[in-house]
């Protein structure tokens, strides 16, 4: 069922992309190739039909996405975050195991540049 809804999701997305590109816009899009739309859809052309069709396909896309999320959550009971294994790094020494002789000291300058004369 999840596979069927996933395939349907891709089909709906492609149909929405085509419907949006066919709509008349300032840059015309693919609507220039549609030819004689006035005789098929009426005097206004496909504007009302494509707007309603795009809206309905958008509602179907949202409903399909919610359905996929619901089915996926019931199919797998655990999340991906619970499957992540955190490994601890034990090779880093702690602060109290470093001996003072291994800590580098600050270099000593023969003159102090911050002293004003």
Protein backbone atom coordinates (compact mmCIF):
# COMPACT_ATOMS: atom_id res chain seq x y z
CA UNK A 1 0.00 0.00 0.00
CA UNK A 2 2.86 2.38 0.83
CA UNK A 3 4.49 1.64 -2.54
CA UNK A 4 1.24 2.37 -4.38
CA UNK A 5 0.81 5.69 -2.56
CA UNK A 6 4.45 6.63 -3.21
CA UNK A 7 4.01 6.03 -6.94
CA UNK A 8 0.75 7.98 -6.83
CA UNK A 9 2.60 10.81 -5.08
CA UNK A 10 5.09 11.10 -7.95
CA UNK A 11 2.31 10.96 -10.54
CA UNK A 12 0.37 13.73 -8.76
CA UNK A 13 3.49 15.90 -8.59
CA UNK A 14 4.15 15.51 -12.32
CA UNK A 15 0.49 16.30 -13.13
CA UNK A 16 0.60 19.42 -10.93
CA UNK A 17 3.80 20.59 -12.64
CA UNK A 18 2.23 20.17 -16.08
CA UNK A 19 -1.00 21.89 -15.00
CA UNK A 20 0.91 24.87 -13.60
CA UNK A 21 3.04 25.17 -16.72
CA UNK A 22 -0.05 25.11 -18.93
CA UNK A 23 -1.65 28.02 -17.09
CA UNK A 24 -1.36 31.43 -18.66
CA UNK A 25 1.16 33.65 -16.92
CA UNK A 26 3.25 36.70 -17.70
CA UNK A 27 5.88 34.50 -19.35
CA UNK A 28 3.20 32.27 -20.94
CA UNK A 29 4.97 28.98 -20.02
CA UNK A 30 3.77 25.96 -22.00
CA UNK A 31 0.37 27.59 -22.55
CA UNK A 32 1.63 28.90 -25.88
CA UNK A 33 1.67 25.34 -27.26
CA UNK A 34 -1.91 24.55 -26.30
CA UNK A 35 -3.34 25.98 -29.55
CA UNK A 36 -7.11 26.35 -29.74
CA UNK A 37 -8.11 26.13 -26.09
CA UNK A 38 -10.96 28.60 -26.59
CA UNK A 39 -13.06 26.15 -28.56
CA UNK A 40 -12.61 23.35 -26.05
CA UNK A 41 -12.95 25.21 -22.72
CA UNK A 42 -15.16 28.19 -23.67
CA UNK A 43 -14.54 31.90 -24.24
CA UNK A 44 -12.19 32.37 -21.29
CA UNK A 45 -10.05 29.43 -22.31
CA UNK A 46 -8.66 26.90 -19.84
CA UNK A 47 -7.97 29.40 -17.04
CA UNK A 48 -10.86 28.42 -14.77
CA UNK A 49 -10.56 24.72 -15.56
CA UNK A 50 -6.79 24.58 -14.95
CA UNK A 51 -7.06 26.64 -11.75
CA UNK A 52 -9.71 24.30 -10.34
CA UNK A 53 -7.82 21.24 -11.55
CA UNK A 54 -4.58 22.45 -9.93
CA UNK A 55 -6.41 23.16 -6.67
CA UNK A 56 -7.97 19.67 -6.63
CA UNK A 57 -4.64 18.03 -7.42
CA UNK A 58 -3.01 20.04 -4.61
CA UNK A 59 -5.65 18.79 -2.16
CA UNK A 60 -5.01 15.22 -3.37
CA UNK A 61 -1.26 15.72 -2.91
CA UNK A 62 -1.72 16.91 0.68
CA UNK A 63 -4.14 14.06 1.47
CA UNK A 64 -1.74 11.52 -0.06
CA UNK A 65 1.18 12.93 1.94
CA UNK A 66 -0.79 12.69 5.19
CA UNK A 67 -1.87 9.15 4.29
CA UNK A 68 1.71 8.13 3.53
CA UNK A 69 2.90 9.56 6.84
CA UNK A 70 0.16 7.77 8.74
CA UNK A 71 0.79 4.41 7.06
CA UNK A 72 4.55 4.71 7.41
CA UNK A 73 4.30 5.45 11.13
CA UNK A 74 2.13 2.38 11.67
CA UNK A 75 4.35 0.17 9.51
CA UNK A 76 7.53 0.94 11.44
CA UNK A 77 7.16 1.42 15.16
CA UNK A 78 10.65 2.79 15.78
CA UNK A 79 12.11 5.98 14.43
CA UNK A 80 15.42 6.52 12.68
CA UNK A 81 16.69 8.53 15.64
CA UNK A 82 16.33 5.48 17.89
CA UNK A 83 18.43 3.38 15.50
CA UNK A 84 21.46 5.68 15.69
CA UNK A 85 24.25 4.18 17.78
CA UNK A 86 26.43 6.65 19.64
CA UNK A 87 29.95 5.39 20.18
CA UNK A 88 31.97 6.84 23.00
CA UNK A 89 35.58 7.74 22.32
CA UNK A 90 37.73 6.32 25.13
CA UNK A 91 41.07 7.34 23.62
CA UNK A 92 40.82 10.93 24.89
CA UNK A 93 42.62 11.26 28.24
CA UNK A 94 40.82 12.97 31.06
CA UNK A 95 42.14 16.20 32.62
CA UNK A 96 43.38 14.61 35.86
CA UNK A 97 45.58 12.01 34.11
CA UNK A 98 47.84 14.63 32.46
CA UNK A 99 50.96 15.24 34.50
CA UNK A 100 52.09 18.86 35.01
CA UNK A 101 55.43 18.14 33.35
CA UNK A 102 53.69 17.42 30.03
CA UNK A 103 51.81 20.74 30.00
CA UNK A 104 53.73 23.29 27.93
CA UNK A 105 54.60 26.53 29.62
CA UNK A 106 54.26 30.03 28.20
CA UNK A 107 57.36 31.38 26.51
CA UNK A 108 59.15 34.01 28.56
CA UNK A 109 59.99 37.28 26.79
CA UNK A 110 63.07 39.23 27.77
CA UNK A 111 61.07 42.45 27.52
CA UNK A 112 57.45 43.36 28.14
CA UNK A 113 55.76 45.26 25.29
CA UNK A 114 52.79 46.39 27.36
CA UNK A 115 54.77 48.45 29.85
CA UNK A 116 54.67 52.19 29.13
CA UNK A 117 57.76 54.20 29.96
